[in-house]
Amino acid sequence: MAKNDWKERLNIVYSTNPDFQYSTDEKEEIETLPKQQQKLRVSIEKNHRGGKTVTVIKNFTGSDDDLKELARLLKTRCGVGGSAKDGEILIQGDFKQKVIELLKNEGYTQTK
């Protein structure tokens, strides 16, 4: 039986063609680099954030699941909130030194 998941077909116009085959464009998952090869950069930003200070971890190369897992680890160890998307992790507050130490303890040796 054919897969009939209506959520994947949202915003598609109905077709009366009986031979119509619906196909989706699936994103290719990026392979996560080993921890020793990740060149993470930690910085502090305050611009465009309503005056709030945010610690930003950039240049993560890998899948979204691995990025979110690393973000969860950093947020729980720092005891604050944050988010992870587009290869960046945002940690609320000024935790640059603590984040660098945590990343090096986890095996991310090329962290600055």
N, C-alpha and C. Protein backbone atom coordinates (compact mmCIF):
# COMPACT_ATOMS: atom_id res chain seq x y z
N MET A 1 0.83 -1.18 0.00
CA MET A 1 0.00 0.00 0.00
C MET A 1 0.88 1.25 0.00
N ALA A 2 0.52 2.24 -0.75
CA ALA A 2 1.30 3.46 -0.89
C ALA A 2 1.23 4.29 0.39
N LYS A 3 2.30 5.00 0.64
CA LYS A 3 2.34 5.90 1.79
C LYS A 3 1.41 7.08 1.51
N ASN A 4 0.48 7.32 2.41
CA ASN A 4 -0.50 8.38 2.21
C ASN A 4 -0.46 9.36 3.38
N ASP A 5 0.65 10.05 3.52
CA ASP A 5 0.81 10.99 4.61
C ASP A 5 0.41 12.38 4.12
N TRP A 6 -0.75 12.87 4.54
CA TRP A 6 -1.29 14.12 4.04
C TRP A 6 -0.47 15.33 4.46
N LYS A 7 0.28 15.22 5.58
CA LYS A 7 1.06 16.36 6.04
C LYS A 7 2.19 16.70 5.08
N GLU A 8 2.71 15.72 4.39
CA GLU A 8 3.77 15.97 3.43
C GLU A 8 3.24 16.60 2.16
N ARG A 9 1.94 16.54 1.94
CA ARG A 9 1.36 17.05 0.70
C ARG A 9 0.60 18.36 0.90
N LEU A 10 0.82 19.05 1.99
CA LEU A 10 0.18 20.34 2.19
C LEU A 10 0.67 21.32 1.13
N ASN A 11 -0.19 22.24 0.75
CA ASN A 11 0.11 23.26 -0.25
C ASN A 11 0.32 22.70 -1.65
N ILE A 12 -0.22 21.52 -1.93
CA ILE A 12 -0.14 20.92 -3.26
C ILE A 12 -1.53 21.00 -3.89
N VAL A 13 -1.57 21.42 -5.13
CA VAL A 13 -2.83 21.54 -5.85
C VAL A 13 -3.29 20.14 -6.27
N TYR A 14 -4.60 19.90 -6.19
CA TYR A 14 -5.17 18.62 -6.53
C TYR A 14 -4.99 18.33 -8.02
N SER A 15 -4.66 17.09 -8.35
CA SER A 15 -4.47 16.69 -9.74
C SER A 15 -5.49 15.61 -10.10
N THR A 16 -6.10 15.73 -11.28
CA THR A 16 -7.05 14.72 -11.75
C THR A 16 -6.36 13.67 -12.59
N ASN A 17 -5.08 13.82 -12.83
CA ASN A 17 -4.32 12.86 -13.61
C ASN A 17 -4.14 11.58 -12.79
N PRO A 18 -4.63 10.43 -13.27
CA PRO A 18 -4.50 9.19 -12.50
C PRO A 18 -3.05 8.68 -12.41
N ASP A 19 -2.18 9.15 -13.29
CA ASP A 19 -0.78 8.70 -13.29
C ASP A 19 0.14 9.67 -12.55
N PHE A 20 -0.44 10.67 -11.87
CA PHE A 20 0.37 11.66 -11.17
C PHE A 20 1.11 11.01 -10.00
N GLN A 21 2.41 11.25 -9.93
CA GLN A 21 3.23 10.74 -8.84
C GLN A 21 3.76 11.93 -8.05
N TYR A 22 3.37 12.01 -6.79
CA TYR A 22 3.83 13.09 -5.93
C TYR A 22 5.20 12.73 -5.37
N SER A 23 6.14 13.67 -5.44
CA SER A 23 7.47 13.42 -4.88
C SER A 23 7.87 14.62 -4.04
N THR A 24 8.66 14.37 -3.01
CA THR A 24 9.13 15.43 -2.12
C THR A 24 10.62 15.62 -2.31
N ASP A 25 11.07 16.82 -2.04
CA ASP A 25 12.50 17.11 -2.05
C ASP A 25 13.02 16.92 -0.63
N GLU A 26 13.80 15.89 -0.43
CA GLU A 26 14.33 15.61 0.90
C GLU A 26 15.73 16.17 1.00
N LYS A 27 16.00 16.85 2.13
CA LYS A 27 17.33 17.41 2.34
C LYS A 27 18.31 16.28 2.67
N GLU A 28 19.51 16.44 2.16
CA GLU A 28 20.55 15.48 2.45
C GLU A 28 21.15 15.80 3.81
N GLU A 29 21.26 14.82 4.67
CA GLU A 29 21.77 15.01 6.02
C GLU A 29 23.29 15.14 5.98
N ILE A 30 23.81 16.17 6.66
CA ILE A 30 25.25 16.41 6.70
C ILE A 30 25.87 15.46 7.72
N GLU A 31 26.99 14.88 7.34
CA GLU A 31 27.69 13.97 8.25
C GLU A 31 28.42 14.78 9.31
N THR A 32 28.29 14.36 10.56
CA THR A 32 28.91 15.06 11.67
C THR A 32 30.40 14.73 11.73
N LEU A 33 31.22 15.77 11.80
CA LEU A 33 32.66 15.58 11.94
C LEU A 33 32.99 15.09 13.34
N PRO A 34 34.09 14.36 13.51
CA PRO A 34 34.51 13.97 14.86
C PRO A 34 34.82 15.19 15.71
N LYS A 35 34.74 15.03 17.02
CA LYS A 35 34.92 16.15 17.94
C LYS A 35 36.28 16.82 17.77
N GLN A 36 37.33 16.05 17.49
CA GLN A 36 38.66 16.63 17.36
C GLN A 36 38.80 17.50 16.12
N GLN A 37 37.96 17.29 15.10
CA GLN A 37 38.06 18.05 13.86
C GLN A 37 37.12 19.25 13.82
N GLN A 38 36.24 19.38 14.78
CA GLN A 38 35.32 20.52 14.83
C GLN A 38 36.10 21.77 15.23
N LYS A 39 35.99 22.83 14.43
CA LYS A 39 36.65 24.09 14.74
C LYS A 39 35.61 25.09 15.24
N LEU A 40 35.21 24.93 16.49
CA LEU A 40 34.16 25.77 17.07
C LEU A 40 34.73 27.10 17.52
N ARG A 41 33.95 28.16 17.33
CA ARG A 41 34.34 29.50 17.74
C ARG A 41 33.29 30.04 18.72
N VAL A 42 33.74 30.46 19.88
CA VAL A 42 32.85 30.96 20.93
C VAL A 42 33.03 32.47 21.02
N SER A 43 31.91 33.19 20.99
CA SER A 43 31.98 34.65 21.08
C SER A 43 30.79 35.17 21.88
N ILE A 44 30.87 36.44 22.24
CA ILE A 44 29.80 37.13 22.97
C ILE A 44 29.17 38.13 22.02
N GLU A 45 27.84 38.15 21.95
CA GLU A 45 27.13 39.12 21.12
C GLU A 45 26.07 39.83 21.94
N LYS A 46 25.84 41.09 21.58
CA LYS A 46 24.83 41.88 22.25
C LYS A 46 23.96 42.61 21.24
N ASN A 47 24.40 42.66 19.98
CA ASN A 47 23.70 43.40 18.94
C ASN A 47 22.39 42.71 18.54
N HIS A 48 21.36 43.50 18.30
CA HIS A 48 20.07 43.02 17.81
C HIS A 48 19.41 42.02 18.75
N ARG A 49 19.68 42.12 20.02
CA ARG A 49 19.10 41.20 20.99
C ARG A 49 18.44 41.93 22.15
N GLY A 50 18.06 43.16 21.94
CA GLY A 50 17.38 43.92 22.97
C GLY A 50 18.25 44.22 24.18
N GLY A 51 19.56 44.34 23.99
CA GLY A 51 20.47 44.62 25.09
C GLY A 51 20.88 43.41 25.90
N LYS A 52 20.38 42.24 25.54
CA LYS A 52 20.73 41.01 26.26
C LYS A 52 22.04 40.45 25.74
N THR A 53 22.85 39.91 26.62
CA THR A 53 24.12 39.30 26.25
C THR A 53 23.89 37.82 25.93
N VAL A 54 24.50 37.36 24.83
CA VAL A 54 24.34 35.98 24.39
C VAL A 54 25.71 35.41 24.04
N THR A 55 25.98 34.18 24.47
CA THR A 55 27.18 33.47 24.08
C THR A 55 26.85 32.66 22.83
N VAL A 56 27.63 32.84 21.76
CA VAL A 56 27.36 32.20 20.48
C VAL A 56 28.48 31.22 20.17
N ILE A 57 28.11 29.97 19.84
CA ILE A 57 29.06 28.95 19.40
C ILE A 57 28.79 28.72 17.92
N LYS A 58 29.79 29.01 17.07
CA LYS A 58 29.62 28.92 15.62
C LYS A 58 30.47 27.81 15.03
N ASN A 59 30.22 27.54 13.74
CA ASN A 59 31.00 26.62 12.90
C ASN A 59 30.81 25.15 13.26
N PHE A 60 29.69 24.76 13.82
CA PHE A 60 29.43 23.34 14.05
C PHE A 60 29.07 22.69 12.73
N THR A 61 29.75 21.61 12.38
CA THR A 61 29.49 20.88 11.14
C THR A 61 28.92 19.52 11.51
N GLY A 62 27.65 19.32 11.15
CA GLY A 62 27.02 18.04 11.46
C GLY A 62 25.52 18.11 11.36
N SER A 63 24.88 17.04 11.82
CA SER A 63 23.43 16.93 11.73
C SER A 63 22.76 17.82 12.77
N ASP A 64 21.49 18.13 12.53
CA ASP A 64 20.73 18.95 13.47
C ASP A 64 20.56 18.26 14.81
N ASP A 65 20.42 16.93 14.79
CA ASP A 65 20.26 16.19 16.04
C ASP A 65 21.50 16.32 16.92
N ASP A 66 22.70 16.22 16.31
CA ASP A 66 23.94 16.34 17.08
C ASP A 66 24.12 17.77 17.60
N LEU A 67 23.71 18.75 16.79
CA LEU A 67 23.78 20.14 17.22
C LEU A 67 22.88 20.39 18.42
N LYS A 68 21.67 19.87 18.37
CA LYS A 68 20.73 20.05 19.47
C LYS A 68 21.18 19.32 20.73
N GLU A 69 21.82 18.17 20.54
CA GLU A 69 22.33 17.41 21.69
C GLU A 69 23.46 18.18 22.39
N LEU A 70 24.37 18.77 21.59
CA LEU A 70 25.44 19.58 22.18
C LEU A 70 24.87 20.81 22.86
N ALA A 71 23.87 21.44 22.25
CA ALA A 71 23.24 22.61 22.86
C ALA A 71 22.58 22.24 24.18
N ARG A 72 21.91 21.10 24.22
CA ARG A 72 21.27 20.66 25.46
C ARG A 72 22.30 20.45 26.56
N LEU A 73 23.44 19.86 26.21
CA LEU A 73 24.50 19.63 27.18
C LEU A 73 25.01 20.97 27.74
N LEU A 74 25.28 21.92 26.85
CA LEU A 74 25.81 23.22 27.30
C LEU A 74 24.80 23.99 28.13
N LYS A 75 23.54 23.95 27.73
CA LYS A 75 22.51 24.68 28.47
C LYS A 75 22.32 24.11 29.87
N THR A 76 22.34 22.80 30.00
CA THR A 76 22.15 22.21 31.33
C THR A 76 23.36 22.44 32.21
N ARG A 77 24.57 22.38 31.65
CA ARG A 77 25.77 22.61 32.46
C ARG A 77 25.89 24.06 32.90
N CYS A 78 25.41 24.99 32.06
CA CYS A 78 25.46 26.41 32.43
C CYS A 78 24.23 26.81 33.25
N GLY A 79 23.18 26.02 33.20
CA GLY A 79 21.97 26.32 33.96
C GLY A 79 21.16 27.46 33.39
N VAL A 80 21.20 27.62 32.07
CA VAL A 80 20.47 28.72 31.41
C VAL A 80 19.75 28.18 30.18
N GLY A 81 19.00 29.06 29.53
CA GLY A 81 18.31 28.69 28.30
C GLY A 81 19.14 29.02 27.08
N GLY A 82 18.57 28.70 25.93
CA GLY A 82 19.26 28.98 24.68
C GLY A 82 18.56 28.28 23.54
N SER A 83 19.22 28.28 22.38
CA SER A 83 18.64 27.62 21.22
C SER A 83 19.76 27.14 20.31
N ALA A 84 19.38 26.30 19.32
CA ALA A 84 20.34 25.76 18.36
C ALA A 84 19.69 25.68 17.00
N LYS A 85 20.30 26.35 16.00
CA LYS A 85 19.81 26.26 14.64
C LYS A 85 20.87 26.79 13.68
N ASP A 86 20.83 26.31 12.47
CA ASP A 86 21.72 26.76 11.40
C ASP A 86 23.20 26.67 11.76
N GLY A 87 23.60 25.64 12.48
CA GLY A 87 25.01 25.47 12.82
C GLY A 87 25.50 26.37 13.94
N GLU A 88 24.58 27.04 14.63
CA GLU A 88 24.95 27.92 15.74
C GLU A 88 24.19 27.53 17.00
N ILE A 89 24.86 27.72 18.12
CA ILE A 89 24.23 27.51 19.42
C ILE A 89 24.24 28.83 20.16
N LEU A 90 23.08 29.24 20.66
CA LEU A 90 22.96 30.47 21.44
C LEU A 90 22.71 30.10 22.89
N ILE A 91 23.56 30.61 23.78
CA ILE A 91 23.42 30.39 25.22
C ILE A 91 23.15 31.75 25.85
N GLN A 92 22.09 31.86 26.62
CA GLN A 92 21.73 33.15 27.23
C GLN A 92 22.71 33.50 28.33
N GLY A 93 23.30 34.68 28.20
CA GLY A 93 24.23 35.16 29.22
C GLY A 93 25.67 35.12 28.76
N ASP A 94 26.56 35.64 29.61
CA ASP A 94 27.99 35.70 29.31
C ASP A 94 28.69 34.48 29.94
N PHE A 95 28.80 33.40 29.16
CA PHE A 95 29.40 32.16 29.65
C PHE A 95 30.55 31.71 28.76
N LYS A 96 31.29 32.65 28.17
CA LYS A 96 32.32 32.30 27.19
C LYS A 96 33.38 31.37 27.78
N GLN A 97 33.97 31.72 28.89
CA GLN A 97 35.03 30.89 29.48
C GLN A 97 34.50 29.52 29.90
N LYS A 98 33.34 29.50 30.51
CA LYS A 98 32.76 28.23 30.97
C LYS A 98 32.44 27.32 29.79
N VAL A 99 31.90 27.90 28.70
CA VAL A 99 31.57 27.10 27.51
C VAL A 99 32.83 26.53 26.88
N ILE A 100 33.89 27.34 26.80
CA ILE A 100 35.15 26.85 26.23
C ILE A 100 35.69 25.69 27.05
N GLU A 101 35.65 25.81 28.37
CA GLU A 101 36.12 24.73 29.24
C GLU A 101 35.27 23.47 29.07
N LEU A 102 33.95 23.63 29.00
CA LEU A 102 33.06 22.48 28.82
C LEU A 102 33.31 21.79 27.49
N LEU A 103 33.49 22.56 26.43
CA LEU A 103 33.74 21.98 25.11
C LEU A 103 35.07 21.22 25.08
N LYS A 104 36.10 21.78 25.69
CA LYS A 104 37.40 21.10 25.72
C LYS A 104 37.32 19.82 26.55
N ASN A 105 36.55 19.83 27.65
CA ASN A 105 36.37 18.62 28.45
C ASN A 105 35.61 17.53 27.68
N GLU A 106 34.73 17.96 26.77
CA GLU A 106 33.96 17.00 25.96
C GLU A 106 34.76 16.45 24.79
N GLY A 107 35.92 17.02 24.49
CA GLY A 107 36.76 16.51 23.41
C GLY A 107 36.86 17.41 22.20
N TYR A 108 36.27 18.60 22.25
CA TYR A 108 36.38 19.55 21.15
C TYR A 108 37.67 20.36 21.35
N THR A 109 38.78 19.82 20.84
CA THR A 109 40.10 20.36 21.14
C THR A 109 40.43 21.64 20.39
N GLN A 110 39.79 21.92 19.25
CA GLN A 110 40.11 23.09 18.45
C GLN A 110 39.15 24.25 18.71
N THR A 111 38.74 24.39 19.94
CA THR A 111 37.79 25.45 20.33
C THR A 111 38.55 26.71 20.73
N LYS A 112 38.09 27.85 20.24
CA LYS A 112 38.68 29.14 20.61
C LYS A 112 37.59 30.08 21.04
